[in-house]
Amino acid sequence: MTRTFSILTITTLLVSLIACKPAAEDRVKMHENAKRVSDSIARTIDGPLNEVMSGALTPAVVDTTKK
């Protein structure tokens, strides 16, 4: 009896774990959402960084004729 109950309990737990994972469509949707958020964060960081870097790379014109 104990052995049967143990097997039944283990089987029930395994079935519940397998049934509770997200479906393939949900996983694809989650990955697409994560990619969109990642791209948004990258654009937020890259925008101001590119503005600063473009200003730093322009050569400064020095007037050497003044005394």
PDB file of N, CA and C in Angstrom:
ATOM      1  N   MET A   1       0.821  -1.198   0.000  1.00  0.00           N
ATOM      2  CA  MET A   1       0.000   0.000   0.000  1.00  0.00           C
ATOM      3  C   MET A   1       0.863   1.259   0.000  1.00  0.00           C
ATOM      4  N   THR A   2       1.888   1.270   0.833  1.00  0.00           N
ATOM      5  CA  THR A   2       2.781   2.421   0.908  1.00  0.00           C
ATOM      6  C   THR A   2       3.506   2.625  -0.414  1.00  0.00           C
ATOM      7  N   ARG A   3       3.923   1.523  -1.012  1.00  0.00           N
ATOM      8  CA  ARG A   3       4.621   1.618  -2.290  1.00  0.00           C
ATOM      9  C   ARG A   3       3.701   2.197  -3.368  1.00  0.00           C
ATOM     10  N   THR A   4       2.480   1.765  -3.422  1.00  0.00           N
ATOM     11  CA  THR A   4       1.512   2.274  -4.387  1.00  0.00           C
ATOM     12  C   THR A   4       1.252   3.755  -4.157  1.00  0.00           C
ATOM     13  N   PHE A   5       1.112   4.139  -2.908  1.00  0.00           N
ATOM     14  CA  PHE A   5       0.872   5.545  -2.588  1.00  0.00           C
ATOM     15  C   PHE A   5       2.079   6.412  -2.966  1.00  0.00           C
ATOM     16  N   SER A   6       3.283   5.904  -2.736  1.00  0.00           N
ATOM     17  CA  SER A   6       4.505   6.639  -3.096  1.00  0.00           C
ATOM     18  C   SER A   6       4.602   6.831  -4.603  1.00  0.00           C
ATOM     19  N   ILE A   7       4.342   5.779  -5.353  1.00  0.00           N
ATOM     20  CA  ILE A   7       4.385   5.864  -6.815  1.00  0.00           C
ATOM     21  C   ILE A   7       3.327   6.832  -7.328  1.00  0.00           C
ATOM     22  N   LEU A   8       2.141   6.773  -6.758  1.00  0.00           N
ATOM     23  CA  LEU A   8       1.060   7.672  -7.153  1.00  0.00           C
ATOM     24  C   LEU A   8       1.421   9.127  -6.835  1.00  0.00           C
ATOM     25  N   THR A   9       2.023   9.364  -5.691  1.00  0.00           N
ATOM     26  CA  THR A   9       2.417  10.722  -5.305  1.00  0.00           C
ATOM     27  C   THR A   9       3.504  11.265  -6.229  1.00  0.00           C
ATOM     28  N   ILE A  10       4.498  10.468  -6.508  1.00  0.00           N
ATOM     29  CA  ILE A  10       5.586  10.897  -7.399  1.00  0.00           C
ATOM     30  C   ILE A  10       5.051  11.163  -8.801  1.00  0.00           C
ATOM     31  N   THR A  11       4.194  10.292  -9.287  1.00  0.00           N
ATOM     32  CA  THR A  11       3.609  10.478 -10.617  1.00  0.00           C
ATOM     33  C   THR A  11       2.784  11.761 -10.674  1.00  0.00           C
ATOM     34  N   THR A  12       2.010  12.027  -9.645  1.00  0.00           N
ATOM     35  CA  THR A  12       1.193  13.242  -9.600  1.00  0.00           C
ATOM     36  C   THR A  12       2.069  14.489  -9.599  1.00  0.00           C
ATOM     37  N   LEU A  13       3.132  14.476  -8.826  1.00  0.00           N
ATOM     38  CA  LEU A  13       4.044  15.627  -8.794  1.00  0.00           C
ATOM     39  C   LEU A  13       4.724  15.849 -10.150  1.00  0.00           C
ATOM     40  N   LEU A  14       5.173  14.773 -10.774  1.00  0.00           N
ATOM     41  CA  LEU A  14       5.816  14.910 -12.077  1.00  0.00           C
ATOM     42  C   LEU A  14       4.856  15.436 -13.138  1.00  0.00           C
ATOM     43  N   VAL A  15       3.654  14.949 -13.146  1.00  0.00           N
ATOM     44  CA  VAL A  15       2.656  15.411 -14.115  1.00  0.00           C
ATOM     45  C   VAL A  15       2.332  16.884 -13.886  1.00  0.00           C
ATOM     46  N   SER A  16       2.220  17.280 -12.639  1.00  0.00           N
ATOM     47  CA  SER A  16       1.905  18.687 -12.358  1.00  0.00           C
ATOM     48  C   SER A  16       3.060  19.601 -12.748  1.00  0.00           C
ATOM     49  N   LEU A  17       4.297  19.158 -12.566  1.00  0.00           N
ATOM     50  CA  LEU A  17       5.443  19.972 -12.978  1.00  0.00           C
ATOM     51  C   LEU A  17       5.512  20.103 -14.495  1.00  0.00           C
ATOM     52  N   ILE A  18       5.256  19.023 -15.197  1.00  0.00           N
ATOM     53  CA  ILE A  18       5.305  19.055 -16.659  1.00  0.00           C
ATOM     54  C   ILE A  18       4.166  19.896 -17.213  1.00  0.00           C
ATOM     55  N   ALA A  19       3.007  19.817 -16.621  1.00  0.00           N
ATOM     56  CA  ALA A  19       1.838  20.540 -17.122  1.00  0.00           C
ATOM     57  C   ALA A  19       1.922  22.040 -16.848  1.00  0.00           C
ATOM     58  N   CYS A  20       2.708  22.455 -15.872  1.00  0.00           N
ATOM     59  CA  CYS A  20       2.734  23.866 -15.487  1.00  0.00           C
ATOM     60  C   CYS A  20       3.757  24.701 -16.236  1.00  0.00           C
ATOM     61  N   LYS A  21       4.610  24.104 -17.045  1.00  0.00           N
ATOM     62  CA  LYS A  21       5.577  24.926 -17.765  1.00  0.00           C
ATOM     63  C   LYS A  21       4.869  25.637 -18.919  1.00  0.00           C
ATOM     64  N   PRO A  22       5.392  26.783 -19.341  1.00  0.00           N
ATOM     65  CA  PRO A  22       4.705  27.550 -20.381  1.00  0.00           C
ATOM     66  C   PRO A  22       4.678  26.821 -21.721  1.00  0.00           C
ATOM     67  N   ALA A  23       3.638  27.063 -22.455  1.00  0.00           N
ATOM     68  CA  ALA A  23       3.498  26.465 -23.779  1.00  0.00           C
ATOM     69  C   ALA A  23       4.508  27.103 -24.726  1.00  0.00           C
ATOM     70  N   ALA A  24       4.731  26.470 -25.862  1.00  0.00           N
ATOM     71  CA  ALA A  24       5.715  26.961 -26.821  1.00  0.00           C
ATOM     72  C   ALA A  24       5.363  28.368 -27.306  1.00  0.00           C
ATOM     73  N   GLU A  25       4.082  28.636 -27.512  1.00  0.00           N
ATOM     74  CA  GLU A  25       3.669  29.961 -27.977  1.00  0.00           C
ATOM     75  C   GLU A  25       3.963  31.012 -26.913  1.00  0.00           C
ATOM     76  N   ASP A  26       3.739  30.640 -25.649  1.00  0.00           N
ATOM     77  CA  ASP A  26       4.015  31.579 -24.568  1.00  0.00           C
ATOM     78  C   ASP A  26       5.510  31.864 -24.454  1.00  0.00           C
ATOM     79  N   ARG A  27       6.317  30.839 -24.639  1.00  0.00           N
ATOM     80  CA  ARG A  27       7.773  31.043 -24.577  1.00  0.00           C
ATOM     81  C   ARG A  27       8.235  31.943 -25.708  1.00  0.00           C
ATOM     82  N   VAL A  28       7.706  31.749 -26.905  1.00  0.00           N
ATOM     83  CA  VAL A  28       8.076  32.599 -28.036  1.00  0.00           C
ATOM     84  C   VAL A  28       7.667  34.043 -27.753  1.00  0.00           C
ATOM     85  N   LYS A  29       6.473  34.225 -27.203  1.00  0.00           N
ATOM     86  CA  LYS A  29       5.996  35.566 -26.868  1.00  0.00           C
ATOM     87  C   LYS A  29       6.885  36.209 -25.797  1.00  0.00           C
ATOM     88  N   MET A  30       7.292  35.419 -24.804  1.00  0.00           N
ATOM     89  CA  MET A  30       8.163  35.947 -23.756  1.00  0.00           C
ATOM     90  C   MET A  30       9.521  36.356 -24.315  1.00  0.00           C
ATOM     91  N   HIS A  31      10.068  35.562 -25.242  1.00  0.00           N
ATOM     92  CA  HIS A  31      11.353  35.901 -25.847  1.00  0.00           C
ATOM     93  C   HIS A  31      11.240  37.159 -26.708  1.00  0.00           C
ATOM     94  N   GLU A  32      10.148  37.289 -27.451  1.00  0.00           N
ATOM     95  CA  GLU A  32       9.942  38.493 -28.257  1.00  0.00           C
ATOM     96  C   GLU A  32       9.827  39.725 -27.368  1.00  0.00           C
ATOM     97  N   ASN A  33       9.117  39.608 -26.272  1.00  0.00           N
ATOM     98  CA  ASN A  33       8.968  40.725 -25.340  1.00  0.00           C
ATOM     99  C   ASN A  33      10.313  41.085 -24.715  1.00  0.00           C
ATOM    100  N   ALA A  34      11.101  40.092 -24.344  1.00  0.00           N
ATOM    101  CA  ALA A  34      12.419  40.349 -23.771  1.00  0.00           C
ATOM    102  C   ALA A  34      13.328  41.025 -24.784  1.00  0.00           C
ATOM    103  N   LYS A  35      13.268  40.621 -26.037  1.00  0.00           N
ATOM    104  CA  LYS A  35      14.080  41.237 -27.092  1.00  0.00           C
ATOM    105  C   LYS A  35      13.670  42.695 -27.296  1.00  0.00           C
ATOM    106  N   ARG A  36      12.359  42.955 -27.269  1.00  0.00           N
ATOM    107  CA  ARG A  36      11.864  44.318 -27.444  1.00  0.00           C
ATOM    108  C   ARG A  36      12.327  45.210 -26.300  1.00  0.00           C
ATOM    109  N   VAL A  37      12.249  44.720 -25.084  1.00  0.00           N
ATOM    110  CA  VAL A  37      12.680  45.493 -23.916  1.00  0.00           C
ATOM    111  C   VAL A  37      14.188  45.721 -23.966  1.00  0.00           C
ATOM    112  N   SER A  38      14.934  44.702 -24.344  1.00  0.00           N
ATOM    113  CA  SER A  38      16.388  44.828 -24.451  1.00  0.00           C
ATOM    114  C   SER A  38      16.773  45.864 -25.495  1.00  0.00           C
ATOM    115  N   ASP A  39      16.099  45.839 -26.649  1.00  0.00           N
ATOM    116  CA  ASP A  39      16.378  46.831 -27.683  1.00  0.00           C
ATOM    117  C   ASP A  39      16.020  48.233 -27.221  1.00  0.00           C
ATOM    118  N   SER A  40      14.943  48.368 -26.475  1.00  0.00           N
ATOM    119  CA  SER A  40      14.532  49.667 -25.963  1.00  0.00           C
ATOM    120  C   SER A  40      15.570  50.220 -24.991  1.00  0.00           C
ATOM    121  N   ILE A  41      16.073  49.373 -24.124  1.00  0.00           N
ATOM    122  CA  ILE A  41      17.104  49.809 -23.177  1.00  0.00           C
ATOM    123  C   ILE A  41      18.373  50.203 -23.925  1.00  0.00           C
ATOM    124  N   ALA A  42      18.733  49.438 -24.934  1.00  0.00           N
ATOM    125  CA  ALA A  42      19.931  49.744 -25.712  1.00  0.00           C
ATOM    126  C   ALA A  42      19.789  51.088 -26.428  1.00  0.00           C
ATOM    127  N   ARG A  43      18.610  51.360 -26.994  1.00  0.00           N
ATOM    128  CA  ARG A  43      18.400  52.653 -27.654  1.00  0.00           C
ATOM    129  C   ARG A  43      18.448  53.797 -26.658  1.00  0.00           C
ATOM    130  N   THR A  44      17.912  53.583 -25.461  1.00  0.00           N
ATOM    131  CA  THR A  44      17.926  54.616 -24.427  1.00  0.00           C
ATOM    132  C   THR A  44      19.357  54.942 -24.010  1.00  0.00           C
ATOM    133  N   ILE A  45      20.201  53.957 -23.929  1.00  0.00           N
ATOM    134  CA  ILE A  45      21.593  54.181 -23.538  1.00  0.00           C
ATOM    135  C   ILE A  45      22.398  54.741 -24.700  1.00  0.00           C
ATOM    136  N   ASP A  46      22.206  54.206 -25.899  1.00  0.00           N
ATOM    137  CA  ASP A  46      23.018  54.602 -27.046  1.00  0.00           C
ATOM    138  C   ASP A  46      22.730  56.012 -27.535  1.00  0.00           C
ATOM    139  N   GLY A  47      21.502  56.491 -27.398  1.00  0.00           N
ATOM    140  CA  GLY A  47      21.168  57.837 -27.881  1.00  0.00           C
ATOM    141  C   GLY A  47      22.017  58.918 -27.246  1.00  0.00           C
ATOM    142  N   PRO A  48      21.964  59.090 -25.937  1.00  0.00           N
ATOM    143  CA  PRO A  48      22.789  60.124 -25.300  1.00  0.00           C
ATOM    144  C   PRO A  48      24.279  59.848 -25.438  1.00  0.00           C
ATOM    145  N   LEU A  49      24.675  58.584 -25.445  1.00  0.00           N
ATOM    146  CA  LEU A  49      26.089  58.257 -25.585  1.00  0.00           C
ATOM    147  C   LEU A  49      26.611  58.683 -26.946  1.00  0.00           C
ATOM    148  N   ASN A  50      25.825  58.484 -27.994  1.00  0.00           N
ATOM    149  CA  ASN A  50      26.245  58.899 -29.336  1.00  0.00           C
ATOM    150  C   ASN A  50      26.325  60.419 -29.442  1.00  0.00           C
ATOM    151  N   GLU A  51      25.419  61.133 -28.768  1.00  0.00           N
ATOM    152  CA  GLU A  51      25.483  62.594 -28.780  1.00  0.00           C
ATOM    153  C   GLU A  51      26.770  63.088 -28.135  1.00  0.00           C
ATOM    154  N   VAL A  52      27.137  62.502 -27.029  1.00  0.00           N
ATOM    155  CA  VAL A  52      28.353  62.906 -26.331  1.00  0.00           C
ATOM    156  C   VAL A  52      29.585  62.550 -27.157  1.00  0.00           C
ATOM    157  N   MET A  53      29.587  61.362 -27.718  1.00  0.00           N
ATOM    158  CA  MET A  53      30.749  60.917 -28.479  1.00  0.00           C
ATOM    159  C   MET A  53      30.913  61.695 -29.778  1.00  0.00           C
ATOM    160  N   SER A  54      29.833  62.106 -30.423  1.00  0.00           N
ATOM    161  CA  SER A  54      29.964  62.859 -31.668  1.00  0.00           C
ATOM    162  C   SER A  54      30.539  64.240 -31.387  1.00  0.00           C
ATOM    163  N   GLY A  55      30.216  64.814 -30.257  1.00  0.00           N
ATOM    164  CA  GLY A  55      30.779  66.104 -29.884  1.00  0.00           C
ATOM    165  C   GLY A  55      32.236  65.994 -29.488  1.00  0.00           C
ATOM    166  N   ALA A  56      32.631  64.883 -28.928  1.00  0.00           N
ATOM    167  CA  ALA A  56      34.010  64.701 -28.485  1.00  0.00           C
ATOM    168  C   ALA A  56      34.941  64.399 -29.647  1.00  0.00           C
ATOM    169  N   LEU A  57      34.433  63.869 -30.729  1.00  0.00           N
ATOM    170  CA  LEU A  57      35.280  63.484 -31.846  1.00  0.00           C
ATOM    171  C   LEU A  57      35.503  64.602 -32.856  1.00  0.00           C
ATOM    172  N   THR A  58      34.729  65.674 -32.788  1.00  0.00           N
ATOM    173  CA  THR A  58      34.940  66.767 -33.724  1.00  0.00           C
ATOM    174  C   THR A  58      36.185  67.539 -33.305  1.00  0.00           C
ATOM    175  N   PRO A  59      37.078  67.808 -34.259  1.00  0.00           N
ATOM    176  CA  PRO A  59      38.329  68.489 -33.895  1.00  0.00           C
ATOM    177  C   PRO A  59      38.066  69.952 -33.525  1.00  0.00           C
ATOM    178  N   ALA A  60      38.768  70.409 -32.581  1.00  0.00           N
ATOM    179  CA  ALA A  60      38.643  71.795 -32.156  1.00  0.00           C
ATOM    180  C   ALA A  60      39.523  72.649 -33.060  1.00  0.00           C
ATOM    181  N   VAL A  61      38.989  73.771 -33.513  1.00  0.00           N
ATOM    182  CA  VAL A  61      39.730  74.684 -34.362  1.00  0.00           C
ATOM    183  C   VAL A  61      40.408  75.704 -33.443  1.00  0.00           C
ATOM    184  N   VAL A  62      41.707  75.783 -33.568  1.00  0.00           N
ATOM    185  CA  VAL A  62      42.474  76.682 -32.732  1.00  0.00           C
ATOM    186  C   VAL A  62      43.003  77.805 -33.601  1.00  0.00           C
ATOM    187  N   ASP A  63      42.741  79.022 -33.178  1.00  0.00           N
ATOM    188  CA  ASP A  63      43.203  80.203 -33.914  1.00  0.00           C
ATOM    189  C   ASP A  63      44.588  80.567 -33.398  1.00  0.00           C
ATOM    190  N   THR A  64      45.599  80.311 -34.199  1.00  0.00           N
ATOM    191  CA  THR A  64      46.972  80.580 -33.775  1.00  0.00           C
ATOM    192  C   THR A  64      47.453  81.949 -34.216  1.00  0.00           C
ATOM    193  N   THR A  65      46.613  82.727 -34.930  1.00  0.00           N
ATOM    194  CA  THR A  65      47.049  84.041 -35.410  1.00  0.00           C
ATOM    195  C   THR A  65      46.905  85.116 -34.349  1.00  0.00           C
ATOM    196  N   LYS A  66      46.115  84.919 -33.349  1.00  0.00           N
ATOM    197  CA  LYS A  66      45.938  85.912 -32.285  1.00  0.00           C
ATOM    198  C   LYS A  66      47.103  85.852 -31.321  1.00  0.00           C
ATOM    199  N   LYS A  67      47.424  87.020 -30.773  1.00  0.00           N
ATOM    200  CA  LYS A  67      48.471  87.075 -29.768  1.00  0.00           C
ATOM    201  C   LYS A  67      47.959  87.656 -28.501  1.00  0.00           C
TER     202      LYS A  67
END
